[in-house]
Amino acid sequence: MGEPRKPKPVMLLVAAFSGWTGAIRRAREILQIRYGPIVLESPVFDFVETDYYDDAMGPGLKKQFFAFEHLLQAEDLPAIKLATNTIEQDFARDGDWATARTGVPRPINLDPGYLDAGKLVLATTKDQAHRLYLGQGIFAEVTLRFESGEFVPWPWTYPDYRREDYRAFFKVVRGEYVRLLKIGHRS
């Protein structure tokens, strides 16, 4: 019989996307206040794989990833997803963001997840056959797995997470995660 044990801490990763890079910059500031220093951030990528978000967010979306220095427990993911949803709602109500992109009800989307040595996990409010319920109305999906030195997609992996440039960034993040884990870095 196996003994229950606490898993290793994980690295918080948040994807921020918007049609307005100023919204991404402001979200970065808010996230750092809440979750501590960002240890790595991706370039700003063009988000072109789908038009799913165009009605709510407008066209010409950009996406940037932020990896946080303070490692946390995977069980914190539902609370983080709920907090990022609140930040999104705050942006939607804020007059500056609401009027900056006329007719766009959702100025920013924040998708939190975590990365550990073997996988990248994303939080979502939407259930599917390949997602597990975590509590508080939040589900998780293993979006990428680390195999033979590379992040590899699953059949359900979102099209943009299949991109080589994203996966190359996640590999760098994984290296930083392993380094921080070795030195015992935690929140």
N, C-alpha and C. Protein backbone atom coordinates (compact mmCIF):
# COMPACT_ATOMS: atom_id res chain seq x y z
N MET A 1 0.84 -1.18 0.00
CA MET A 1 0.00 0.00 0.00
C MET A 1 0.88 1.24 0.00
N GLY A 2 0.53 2.18 -0.87
CA GLY A 2 1.28 3.43 -0.95
C GLY A 2 0.98 4.35 0.22
N GLU A 3 1.96 5.13 0.58
CA GLU A 3 1.82 6.12 1.65
C GLU A 3 1.52 7.49 1.05
N PRO A 4 0.47 8.16 1.50
CA PRO A 4 0.22 9.52 1.01
C PRO A 4 1.38 10.43 1.40
N ARG A 5 1.76 11.30 0.50
CA ARG A 5 2.84 12.25 0.78
C ARG A 5 2.56 13.55 0.04
N LYS A 6 3.13 14.60 0.54
CA LYS A 6 2.95 15.92 -0.07
C LYS A 6 3.84 15.99 -1.32
N PRO A 7 3.28 16.43 -2.44
CA PRO A 7 4.09 16.55 -3.66
C PRO A 7 5.06 17.72 -3.58
N LYS A 8 6.00 17.73 -4.49
CA LYS A 8 6.93 18.85 -4.58
C LYS A 8 6.17 20.11 -4.98
N PRO A 9 6.68 21.27 -4.58
CA PRO A 9 6.02 22.50 -5.02
C PRO A 9 6.13 22.67 -6.53
N VAL A 10 5.31 23.53 -7.07
CA VAL A 10 5.23 23.76 -8.51
C VAL A 10 5.46 25.23 -8.80
N MET A 11 5.69 25.55 -10.08
CA MET A 11 5.92 26.93 -10.49
C MET A 11 4.64 27.49 -11.12
N LEU A 12 4.17 28.59 -10.58
CA LEU A 12 3.00 29.26 -11.13
C LEU A 12 3.35 29.87 -12.49
N LEU A 13 2.48 29.63 -13.45
CA LEU A 13 2.61 30.18 -14.79
C LEU A 13 1.27 30.81 -15.15
N VAL A 14 1.27 32.06 -15.61
CA VAL A 14 0.03 32.72 -16.02
C VAL A 14 0.19 33.21 -17.45
N ALA A 15 -0.79 32.87 -18.27
CA ALA A 15 -0.87 33.39 -19.64
C ALA A 15 -1.81 34.58 -19.61
N ALA A 16 -1.34 35.71 -20.13
CA ALA A 16 -2.17 36.91 -20.21
C ALA A 16 -2.34 37.24 -21.68
N PHE A 17 -3.59 37.40 -22.12
CA PHE A 17 -3.76 37.84 -23.49
C PHE A 17 -4.85 38.86 -23.63
N SER A 18 -4.61 39.75 -24.60
CA SER A 18 -5.44 40.93 -24.78
C SER A 18 -5.14 41.53 -26.15
N GLY A 19 -6.03 42.37 -26.61
CA GLY A 19 -5.78 43.14 -27.82
C GLY A 19 -5.00 44.42 -27.51
N TRP A 20 -4.76 44.64 -26.24
CA TRP A 20 -4.09 45.85 -25.82
C TRP A 20 -2.91 45.49 -24.94
N THR A 21 -1.69 45.76 -25.39
CA THR A 21 -0.50 45.39 -24.61
C THR A 21 -0.43 46.14 -23.28
N GLY A 22 -1.05 47.32 -23.19
CA GLY A 22 -1.11 48.03 -21.92
C GLY A 22 -1.87 47.25 -20.86
N ALA A 23 -2.89 46.52 -21.26
CA ALA A 23 -3.64 45.68 -20.32
C ALA A 23 -2.76 44.53 -19.83
N ILE A 24 -1.97 43.96 -20.72
CA ILE A 24 -1.05 42.88 -20.32
C ILE A 24 -0.03 43.41 -19.33
N ARG A 25 0.53 44.60 -19.60
CA ARG A 25 1.50 45.20 -18.67
C ARG A 25 0.88 45.46 -17.30
N ARG A 26 -0.34 45.98 -17.29
CA ARG A 26 -0.99 46.25 -16.01
C ARG A 26 -1.30 44.95 -15.27
N ALA A 27 -1.75 43.93 -15.97
CA ALA A 27 -2.00 42.63 -15.35
C ALA A 27 -0.72 42.07 -14.75
N ARG A 28 0.39 42.25 -15.44
CA ARG A 28 1.69 41.80 -14.93
C ARG A 28 1.98 42.44 -13.58
N GLU A 29 1.74 43.74 -13.47
CA GLU A 29 1.97 44.46 -12.21
C GLU A 29 1.08 43.90 -11.10
N ILE A 30 -0.19 43.71 -11.39
CA ILE A 30 -1.13 43.19 -10.40
C ILE A 30 -0.74 41.79 -9.96
N LEU A 31 -0.37 40.95 -10.92
CA LEU A 31 0.01 39.57 -10.60
C LEU A 31 1.27 39.53 -9.72
N GLN A 32 2.22 40.41 -9.99
CA GLN A 32 3.43 40.46 -9.16
C GLN A 32 3.12 40.89 -7.73
N ILE A 33 2.21 41.82 -7.56
CA ILE A 33 1.83 42.24 -6.22
C ILE A 33 1.23 41.05 -5.47
N ARG A 34 0.43 40.26 -6.16
CA ARG A 34 -0.27 39.14 -5.52
C ARG A 34 0.61 37.90 -5.34
N TYR A 35 1.46 37.59 -6.35
CA TYR A 35 2.17 36.30 -6.35
C TYR A 35 3.69 36.42 -6.28
N GLY A 36 4.20 37.63 -6.19
CA GLY A 36 5.64 37.82 -6.05
C GLY A 36 6.34 38.02 -7.37
N PRO A 37 7.67 38.04 -7.32
CA PRO A 37 8.45 38.37 -8.51
C PRO A 37 8.26 37.38 -9.66
N ILE A 38 8.30 37.93 -10.86
CA ILE A 38 8.31 37.10 -12.07
C ILE A 38 9.76 36.75 -12.36
N VAL A 39 10.03 35.47 -12.47
CA VAL A 39 11.40 35.03 -12.72
C VAL A 39 11.69 34.94 -14.22
N LEU A 40 10.67 34.66 -15.02
CA LEU A 40 10.81 34.59 -16.48
C LEU A 40 9.52 35.09 -17.12
N GLU A 41 9.67 35.80 -18.23
CA GLU A 41 8.50 36.16 -19.02
C GLU A 41 8.81 35.93 -20.48
N SER A 42 7.81 35.51 -21.20
CA SER A 42 7.97 35.21 -22.63
C SER A 42 7.96 36.50 -23.42
N PRO A 43 8.36 36.40 -24.69
CA PRO A 43 8.07 37.51 -25.59
C PRO A 43 6.55 37.66 -25.71
N VAL A 44 6.10 38.75 -26.29
CA VAL A 44 4.67 38.91 -26.58
C VAL A 44 4.42 38.21 -27.92
N PHE A 45 3.58 37.20 -27.87
CA PHE A 45 3.26 36.40 -29.06
C PHE A 45 1.97 36.89 -29.70
N ASP A 46 1.88 36.79 -31.02
CA ASP A 46 0.61 36.99 -31.71
C ASP A 46 -0.26 35.76 -31.44
N PHE A 47 -1.50 35.98 -31.05
CA PHE A 47 -2.43 34.90 -30.77
C PHE A 47 -3.34 34.75 -31.98
N VAL A 48 -2.98 33.82 -32.87
CA VAL A 48 -3.64 33.72 -34.17
C VAL A 48 -4.27 32.36 -34.46
N GLU A 49 -4.21 31.46 -33.50
CA GLU A 49 -4.65 30.09 -33.77
C GLU A 49 -6.17 29.91 -33.80
N THR A 50 -6.90 30.87 -33.26
CA THR A 50 -8.36 30.75 -33.23
C THR A 50 -8.98 32.15 -33.19
N ASP A 51 -10.21 32.23 -33.65
CA ASP A 51 -10.96 33.48 -33.50
C ASP A 51 -12.04 33.34 -32.42
N TYR A 52 -11.93 32.31 -31.61
CA TYR A 52 -12.88 32.00 -30.55
C TYR A 52 -13.15 33.20 -29.63
N TYR A 53 -12.12 33.98 -29.34
CA TYR A 53 -12.23 35.08 -28.39
C TYR A 53 -12.58 36.42 -29.05
N ASP A 54 -12.68 36.48 -30.36
CA ASP A 54 -12.87 37.76 -31.05
C ASP A 54 -14.12 38.51 -30.61
N ASP A 55 -15.24 37.81 -30.42
CA ASP A 55 -16.47 38.50 -30.03
C ASP A 55 -16.33 39.18 -28.67
N ALA A 56 -15.68 38.53 -27.74
CA ALA A 56 -15.55 39.08 -26.38
C ALA A 56 -14.36 40.01 -26.23
N MET A 57 -13.31 39.78 -27.03
CA MET A 57 -12.05 40.50 -26.80
C MET A 57 -11.57 41.31 -28.00
N GLY A 58 -12.19 41.12 -29.14
CA GLY A 58 -11.76 41.83 -30.34
C GLY A 58 -10.65 41.08 -31.06
N PRO A 59 -10.30 41.50 -32.27
CA PRO A 59 -9.25 40.84 -33.05
C PRO A 59 -7.86 41.35 -32.64
N GLY A 60 -6.83 40.72 -33.20
CA GLY A 60 -5.46 41.19 -33.00
C GLY A 60 -4.93 40.94 -31.60
N LEU A 61 -5.28 39.80 -31.03
CA LEU A 61 -4.85 39.50 -29.66
C LEU A 61 -3.37 39.16 -29.57
N LYS A 62 -2.78 39.52 -28.44
CA LYS A 62 -1.39 39.20 -28.10
C LYS A 62 -1.41 38.37 -26.82
N LYS A 63 -0.39 37.51 -26.67
CA LYS A 63 -0.32 36.64 -25.48
C LYS A 63 1.09 36.66 -24.93
N GLN A 64 1.19 36.72 -23.60
CA GLN A 64 2.48 36.67 -22.92
C GLN A 64 2.35 35.79 -21.69
N PHE A 65 3.41 35.04 -21.41
CA PHE A 65 3.46 34.15 -20.25
C PHE A 65 4.36 34.72 -19.18
N PHE A 66 3.95 34.53 -17.91
CA PHE A 66 4.73 34.95 -16.76
C PHE A 66 4.93 33.75 -15.84
N ALA A 67 6.19 33.48 -15.50
CA ALA A 67 6.54 32.41 -14.56
C ALA A 67 7.03 33.06 -13.28
N PHE A 68 6.51 32.62 -12.15
CA PHE A 68 6.76 33.27 -10.87
C PHE A 68 7.83 32.54 -10.06
N GLU A 69 8.63 33.34 -9.39
CA GLU A 69 9.78 32.84 -8.64
C GLU A 69 9.38 31.98 -7.44
N HIS A 70 8.34 32.39 -6.74
CA HIS A 70 7.94 31.67 -5.53
C HIS A 70 7.17 30.41 -5.91
N LEU A 71 7.72 29.26 -5.52
CA LEU A 71 7.06 28.00 -5.81
C LEU A 71 5.89 27.84 -4.83
N LEU A 72 4.86 27.16 -5.28
CA LEU A 72 3.67 26.97 -4.46
C LEU A 72 3.18 25.54 -4.57
N GLN A 73 2.11 25.24 -3.88
CA GLN A 73 1.53 23.91 -3.93
C GLN A 73 0.48 23.82 -5.04
N ALA A 74 0.43 22.69 -5.71
CA ALA A 74 -0.54 22.49 -6.79
C ALA A 74 -1.97 22.70 -6.30
N GLU A 75 -2.23 22.40 -5.04
CA GLU A 75 -3.57 22.54 -4.49
C GLU A 75 -4.03 24.01 -4.39
N ASP A 76 -3.11 24.94 -4.61
CA ASP A 76 -3.45 26.36 -4.61
C ASP A 76 -4.10 26.81 -5.91
N LEU A 77 -4.07 25.96 -6.95
CA LEU A 77 -4.52 26.37 -8.27
C LEU A 77 -5.98 26.86 -8.33
N PRO A 78 -6.95 26.20 -7.66
CA PRO A 78 -8.31 26.73 -7.74
C PRO A 78 -8.43 28.16 -7.21
N ALA A 79 -7.80 28.46 -6.10
CA ALA A 79 -7.86 29.81 -5.53
C ALA A 79 -7.21 30.82 -6.48
N ILE A 80 -6.14 30.42 -7.14
CA ILE A 80 -5.46 31.31 -8.09
C ILE A 80 -6.36 31.58 -9.30
N LYS A 81 -7.01 30.55 -9.81
CA LYS A 81 -7.91 30.72 -10.95
C LYS A 81 -9.07 31.66 -10.57
N LEU A 82 -9.62 31.50 -9.40
CA LEU A 82 -10.70 32.38 -8.96
C LEU A 82 -10.20 33.82 -8.82
N ALA A 83 -8.98 33.99 -8.33
CA ALA A 83 -8.40 35.34 -8.19
C ALA A 83 -8.17 35.98 -9.56
N THR A 84 -7.66 35.21 -10.53
CA THR A 84 -7.43 35.78 -11.85
C THR A 84 -8.76 36.11 -12.54
N ASN A 85 -9.80 35.32 -12.27
CA ASN A 85 -11.12 35.66 -12.80
C ASN A 85 -11.59 37.00 -12.24
N THR A 86 -11.33 37.24 -10.96
CA THR A 86 -11.70 38.52 -10.34
C THR A 86 -10.92 39.67 -10.96
N ILE A 87 -9.64 39.47 -11.23
CA ILE A 87 -8.83 40.50 -11.88
C ILE A 87 -9.42 40.82 -13.26
N GLU A 88 -9.79 39.78 -14.01
CA GLU A 88 -10.43 40.00 -15.32
C GLU A 88 -11.69 40.83 -15.18
N GLN A 89 -12.51 40.51 -14.19
CA GLN A 89 -13.76 41.25 -13.97
C GLN A 89 -13.47 42.71 -13.62
N ASP A 90 -12.42 42.93 -12.84
CA ASP A 90 -12.03 44.30 -12.48
C ASP A 90 -11.63 45.08 -13.73
N PHE A 91 -10.89 44.46 -14.63
CA PHE A 91 -10.51 45.12 -15.88
C PHE A 91 -11.76 45.47 -16.70
N ALA A 92 -12.71 44.56 -16.74
CA ALA A 92 -13.92 44.79 -17.53
C ALA A 92 -14.74 45.95 -16.98
N ARG A 93 -14.70 46.15 -15.67
CA ARG A 93 -15.45 47.25 -15.04
C ARG A 93 -14.70 48.57 -15.04
N ASP A 94 -13.38 48.52 -15.14
CA ASP A 94 -12.55 49.72 -15.07
C ASP A 94 -12.79 50.58 -16.31
N GLY A 95 -13.19 51.81 -16.11
CA GLY A 95 -13.51 52.70 -17.21
C GLY A 95 -12.39 52.88 -18.21
N ASP A 96 -11.14 52.96 -17.74
CA ASP A 96 -10.02 53.17 -18.66
C ASP A 96 -9.89 52.00 -19.64
N TRP A 97 -9.98 50.78 -19.12
CA TRP A 97 -9.83 49.61 -20.00
C TRP A 97 -11.08 49.43 -20.85
N ALA A 98 -12.23 49.68 -20.27
CA ALA A 98 -13.49 49.46 -20.99
C ALA A 98 -13.63 50.41 -22.18
N THR A 99 -13.18 51.65 -22.02
CA THR A 99 -13.33 52.60 -23.12
C THR A 99 -12.16 52.55 -24.10
N ALA A 100 -11.06 51.95 -23.70
CA ALA A 100 -9.89 51.91 -24.57
C ALA A 100 -10.14 51.05 -25.81
N ARG A 101 -10.97 50.02 -25.68
CA ARG A 101 -11.29 49.15 -26.80
C ARG A 101 -12.81 49.09 -26.90
N THR A 102 -13.39 50.06 -27.52
CA THR A 102 -14.84 50.22 -27.58
C THR A 102 -15.52 48.93 -28.05
N GLY A 103 -16.55 48.56 -27.31
CA GLY A 103 -17.34 47.39 -27.68
C GLY A 103 -16.71 46.06 -27.28
N VAL A 104 -15.63 46.08 -26.53
CA VAL A 104 -14.97 44.85 -26.11
C VAL A 104 -15.26 44.61 -24.63
N PRO A 105 -16.12 43.64 -24.33
CA PRO A 105 -16.50 43.42 -22.94
C PRO A 105 -15.42 42.75 -22.07
N ARG A 106 -14.44 42.13 -22.69
CA ARG A 106 -13.41 41.41 -21.94
C ARG A 106 -12.04 41.91 -22.38
N PRO A 107 -11.48 42.91 -21.70
CA PRO A 107 -10.21 43.48 -22.14
C PRO A 107 -9.01 42.57 -21.95
N ILE A 108 -9.11 41.60 -21.04
CA ILE A 108 -7.97 40.70 -20.81
C ILE A 108 -8.47 39.33 -20.39
N ASN A 109 -7.68 38.33 -20.72
CA ASN A 109 -7.91 36.95 -20.29
C ASN A 109 -6.66 36.50 -19.56
N LEU A 110 -6.83 35.98 -18.35
CA LEU A 110 -5.71 35.47 -17.56
C LEU A 110 -5.93 33.98 -17.31
N ASP A 111 -5.02 33.17 -17.81
CA ASP A 111 -5.12 31.72 -17.65
C ASP A 111 -3.97 31.22 -16.80
N PRO A 112 -4.24 30.93 -15.51
CA PRO A 112 -3.19 30.40 -14.66
C PRO A 112 -3.04 28.89 -14.80
N GLY A 113 -1.88 28.44 -14.47
CA GLY A 113 -1.58 27.02 -14.41
C GLY A 113 -0.29 26.85 -13.66
N TYR A 114 0.25 25.67 -13.75
CA TYR A 114 1.56 25.44 -13.13
C TYR A 114 2.38 24.49 -13.97
N LEU A 115 3.65 24.57 -13.71
CA LEU A 115 4.61 23.72 -14.40
C LEU A 115 5.43 23.01 -13.34
N ASP A 116 5.67 21.73 -13.55
CA ASP A 116 6.62 21.00 -12.73
C ASP A 116 7.55 20.24 -13.68
N ALA A 117 8.35 19.35 -13.18
CA ALA A 117 9.35 18.70 -14.03
C ALA A 117 8.73 17.84 -15.13
N GLY A 118 7.49 17.39 -14.95
CA GLY A 118 6.90 16.46 -15.90
C GLY A 118 5.73 16.96 -16.72
N LYS A 119 5.21 18.17 -16.39
CA LYS A 119 3.99 18.58 -17.08
C LYS A 119 3.72 20.06 -16.92
N LEU A 120 2.82 20.54 -17.80
CA LEU A 120 2.25 21.87 -17.69
C LEU A 120 0.75 21.68 -17.53
N VAL A 121 0.20 22.23 -16.46
CA VAL A 121 -1.21 22.07 -16.11
C VAL A 121 -1.89 23.43 -16.20
N LEU A 122 -3.07 23.48 -16.79
CA LEU A 122 -3.86 24.70 -16.86
C LEU A 122 -5.15 24.54 -16.07
N ALA A 123 -5.59 25.63 -15.43
CA ALA A 123 -6.86 25.66 -14.72
C ALA A 123 -7.94 26.21 -15.65
N THR A 124 -9.15 25.72 -15.46
CA THR A 124 -10.28 26.16 -16.28
C THR A 124 -11.57 26.00 -15.50
N THR A 125 -12.59 26.71 -15.93
CA THR A 125 -13.92 26.53 -15.34
C THR A 125 -14.76 25.56 -16.17
N LYS A 126 -14.22 25.07 -17.26
CA LYS A 126 -14.97 24.21 -18.17
C LYS A 126 -14.57 22.75 -18.02
N ASP A 127 -15.56 21.90 -17.84
CA ASP A 127 -15.33 20.46 -17.71
C ASP A 127 -15.26 19.82 -19.09
N GLN A 128 -14.41 18.82 -19.21
CA GLN A 128 -14.31 17.97 -20.40
C GLN A 128 -13.87 16.59 -19.92
N ALA A 129 -13.92 15.61 -20.79
CA ALA A 129 -13.60 14.23 -20.42
C ALA A 129 -12.17 14.08 -19.90
N HIS A 130 -11.25 14.93 -20.35
CA HIS A 130 -9.84 14.81 -19.97
C HIS A 130 -9.45 15.74 -18.82
N ARG A 131 -10.41 16.37 -18.19
CA ARG A 131 -10.13 17.31 -17.10
C ARG A 131 -10.61 16.74 -15.77
N LEU A 132 -9.88 17.10 -14.72
CA LEU A 132 -10.23 16.65 -13.38
C LEU A 132 -10.74 17.83 -12.55
N TYR A 133 -11.75 17.54 -11.75
CA TYR A 133 -12.32 18.57 -10.89
C TYR A 133 -11.42 18.77 -9.67
N LEU A 134 -11.09 20.03 -9.39
CA LEU A 134 -10.22 20.35 -8.26
C LEU A 134 -10.99 20.90 -7.06
N GLY A 135 -12.20 21.39 -7.29
CA GLY A 135 -12.98 22.04 -6.24
C GLY A 135 -13.22 23.49 -6.59
N GLN A 136 -14.17 24.12 -5.91
CA GLN A 136 -14.50 25.53 -6.08
C GLN A 136 -14.89 25.88 -7.52
N GLY A 137 -15.42 24.90 -8.26
CA GLY A 137 -15.83 25.14 -9.64
C GLY A 137 -14.69 25.16 -10.65
N ILE A 138 -13.52 24.67 -10.25
CA ILE A 138 -12.32 24.73 -11.10
C ILE A 138 -11.86 23.31 -11.47
N PHE A 139 -11.50 23.17 -12.74
CA PHE A 139 -10.98 21.92 -13.28
C PHE A 139 -9.53 22.14 -13.69
N ALA A 140 -8.80 21.05 -13.88
CA ALA A 140 -7.41 21.14 -14.35
C ALA A 140 -7.21 20.16 -15.48
N GLU A 141 -6.33 20.56 -16.40
CA GLU A 141 -5.96 19.66 -17.48
C GLU A 141 -4.45 19.68 -17.63
N VAL A 142 -3.90 18.50 -17.84
CA VAL A 142 -2.49 18.40 -18.20
C VAL A 142 -2.43 18.73 -19.68
N THR A 143 -1.91 19.91 -20.00
CA THR A 143 -1.91 20.43 -21.36
C THR A 143 -0.71 19.94 -22.15
N LEU A 144 0.44 19.85 -21.50
CA LEU A 144 1.67 19.34 -22.12
C LEU A 144 2.36 18.39 -21.14
N ARG A 145 3.06 17.43 -21.67
CA ARG A 145 3.88 16.54 -20.84
C ARG A 145 5.33 16.69 -21.27
N PHE A 146 6.25 16.48 -20.34
CA PHE A 146 7.68 16.58 -20.65
C PHE A 146 8.19 15.17 -20.90
N GLU A 147 8.68 14.94 -22.11
CA GLU A 147 9.06 13.60 -22.53
C GLU A 147 10.28 13.69 -23.44
N SER A 148 11.30 12.91 -23.16
CA SER A 148 12.52 12.88 -23.97
C SER A 148 13.10 14.29 -24.19
N GLY A 149 13.08 15.10 -23.13
CA GLY A 149 13.70 16.42 -23.18
C GLY A 149 12.88 17.51 -23.83
N GLU A 150 11.61 17.26 -24.14
CA GLU A 150 10.76 18.25 -24.80
C GLU A 150 9.35 18.24 -24.22
N PHE A 151 8.67 19.37 -24.30
CA PHE A 151 7.25 19.39 -23.98
C PHE A 151 6.48 18.88 -25.19
N VAL A 152 5.57 17.95 -24.94
CA VAL A 152 4.84 17.25 -25.99
C VAL A 152 3.34 17.46 -25.78
N PRO A 153 2.60 17.80 -26.84
CA PRO A 153 1.15 18.00 -26.69
C PRO A 153 0.38 16.67 -26.64
N TRP A 154 -0.82 16.76 -26.12
CA TRP A 154 -1.80 15.67 -26.13
C TRP A 154 -2.80 15.94 -27.26
N PRO A 155 -3.66 15.00 -27.58
CA PRO A 155 -4.68 15.27 -28.60
C PRO A 155 -5.57 16.47 -28.26
N TRP A 156 -5.78 16.75 -26.98
CA TRP A 156 -6.67 17.85 -26.56
C TRP A 156 -5.94 19.17 -26.35
N THR A 157 -4.64 19.20 -26.51
CA THR A 157 -3.88 20.43 -26.26
C THR A 157 -4.35 21.55 -27.18
N TYR A 158 -4.57 22.74 -26.58
CA TYR A 158 -4.98 23.90 -27.37
C TYR A 158 -3.99 24.14 -28.50
N PRO A 159 -4.47 24.59 -29.67
CA PRO A 159 -3.57 24.78 -30.82
C PRO A 159 -2.37 25.69 -30.53
N ASP A 160 -2.58 26.78 -29.79
CA ASP A 160 -1.43 27.66 -29.55
C ASP A 160 -0.39 27.00 -28.64
N TYR A 161 -0.80 26.15 -27.71
CA TYR A 161 0.17 25.47 -26.84
C TYR A 161 0.96 24.39 -27.57
N ARG A 162 0.59 24.10 -28.80
CA ARG A 162 1.36 23.18 -29.63
C ARG A 162 2.53 23.88 -30.32
N ARG A 163 2.50 25.21 -30.34
CA ARG A 163 3.52 26.00 -31.04
C ARG A 163 4.91 25.72 -30.49
N GLU A 164 5.87 25.65 -31.40
CA GLU A 164 7.25 25.42 -30.98
C GLU A 164 7.80 26.55 -30.13
N ASP A 165 7.45 27.81 -30.45
CA ASP A 165 7.98 28.93 -29.67
C ASP A 165 7.44 28.91 -28.24
N TYR A 166 6.18 28.56 -28.04
CA TYR A 166 5.64 28.42 -26.69
C TYR A 166 6.39 27.31 -25.95
N ARG A 167 6.47 26.15 -26.61
CA ARG A 167 7.08 24.99 -25.95
C ARG A 167 8.56 25.22 -25.65
N ALA A 168 9.24 25.98 -26.49
CA ALA A 168 10.65 26.33 -26.21
C ALA A 168 10.72 27.21 -24.96
N PHE A 169 9.79 28.15 -24.81
CA PHE A 169 9.76 28.98 -23.61
C PHE A 169 9.49 28.12 -22.38
N PHE A 170 8.53 27.21 -22.47
CA PHE A 170 8.21 26.35 -21.33
C PHE A 170 9.40 25.49 -20.93
N LYS A 171 10.21 25.10 -21.89
CA LYS A 171 11.40 24.31 -21.57
C LYS A 171 12.40 25.15 -20.76
N VAL A 172 12.53 26.42 -21.09
CA VAL A 172 13.39 27.32 -20.31
C VAL A 172 12.81 27.48 -18.90
N VAL A 173 11.49 27.63 -18.81
CA VAL A 173 10.83 27.76 -17.51
C VAL A 173 11.07 26.50 -16.69
N ARG A 174 10.97 25.35 -17.31
CA ARG A 174 11.21 24.09 -16.60
C ARG A 174 12.62 24.06 -16.02
N GLY A 175 13.61 24.51 -16.80
CA GLY A 175 14.99 24.56 -16.30
C GLY A 175 15.11 25.45 -15.07
N GLU A 176 14.43 26.59 -15.09
CA GLU A 176 14.44 27.49 -13.93
C GLU A 176 13.71 26.86 -12.75
N TYR A 177 12.63 26.18 -13.02
CA TYR A 177 11.90 25.48 -11.96
C TYR A 177 12.80 24.45 -11.28
N VAL A 178 13.48 23.64 -12.06
CA VAL A 178 14.37 22.61 -11.50
C VAL A 178 15.47 23.26 -10.67
N ARG A 179 16.01 24.37 -11.17
CA ARG A 179 17.06 25.10 -10.42
C ARG A 179 16.52 25.58 -9.08
N LEU A 180 15.34 26.21 -9.09
CA LEU A 180 14.76 26.71 -7.85
C LEU A 180 14.41 25.59 -6.89
N LEU A 181 13.96 24.48 -7.42
CA LEU A 181 13.63 23.33 -6.58
C LEU A 181 14.88 22.80 -5.89
N LYS A 182 16.00 22.75 -6.62
CA LYS A 182 17.26 22.24 -6.05
C LYS A 182 17.75 23.11 -4.91
N ILE A 183 17.53 24.42 -5.01
CA ILE A 183 18.02 25.29 -3.93
C ILE A 183 16.97 25.46 -2.82
N GLY A 184 15.87 24.76 -2.97
CA GLY A 184 14.84 24.79 -1.92
C GLY A 184 14.03 26.06 -1.88
N HIS A 185 13.86 26.71 -3.01
CA HIS A 185 13.13 27.99 -3.08
C HIS A 185 11.63 27.75 -2.99
N ARG A 186 10.98 28.46 -2.08
CA ARG A 186 9.53 28.36 -1.92
C ARG A 186 8.97 29.71 -1.60
N SER A 187 7.66 29.79 -1.57
CA SER A 187 7.01 31.06 -1.24
C SER A 187 7.07 31.33 0.25
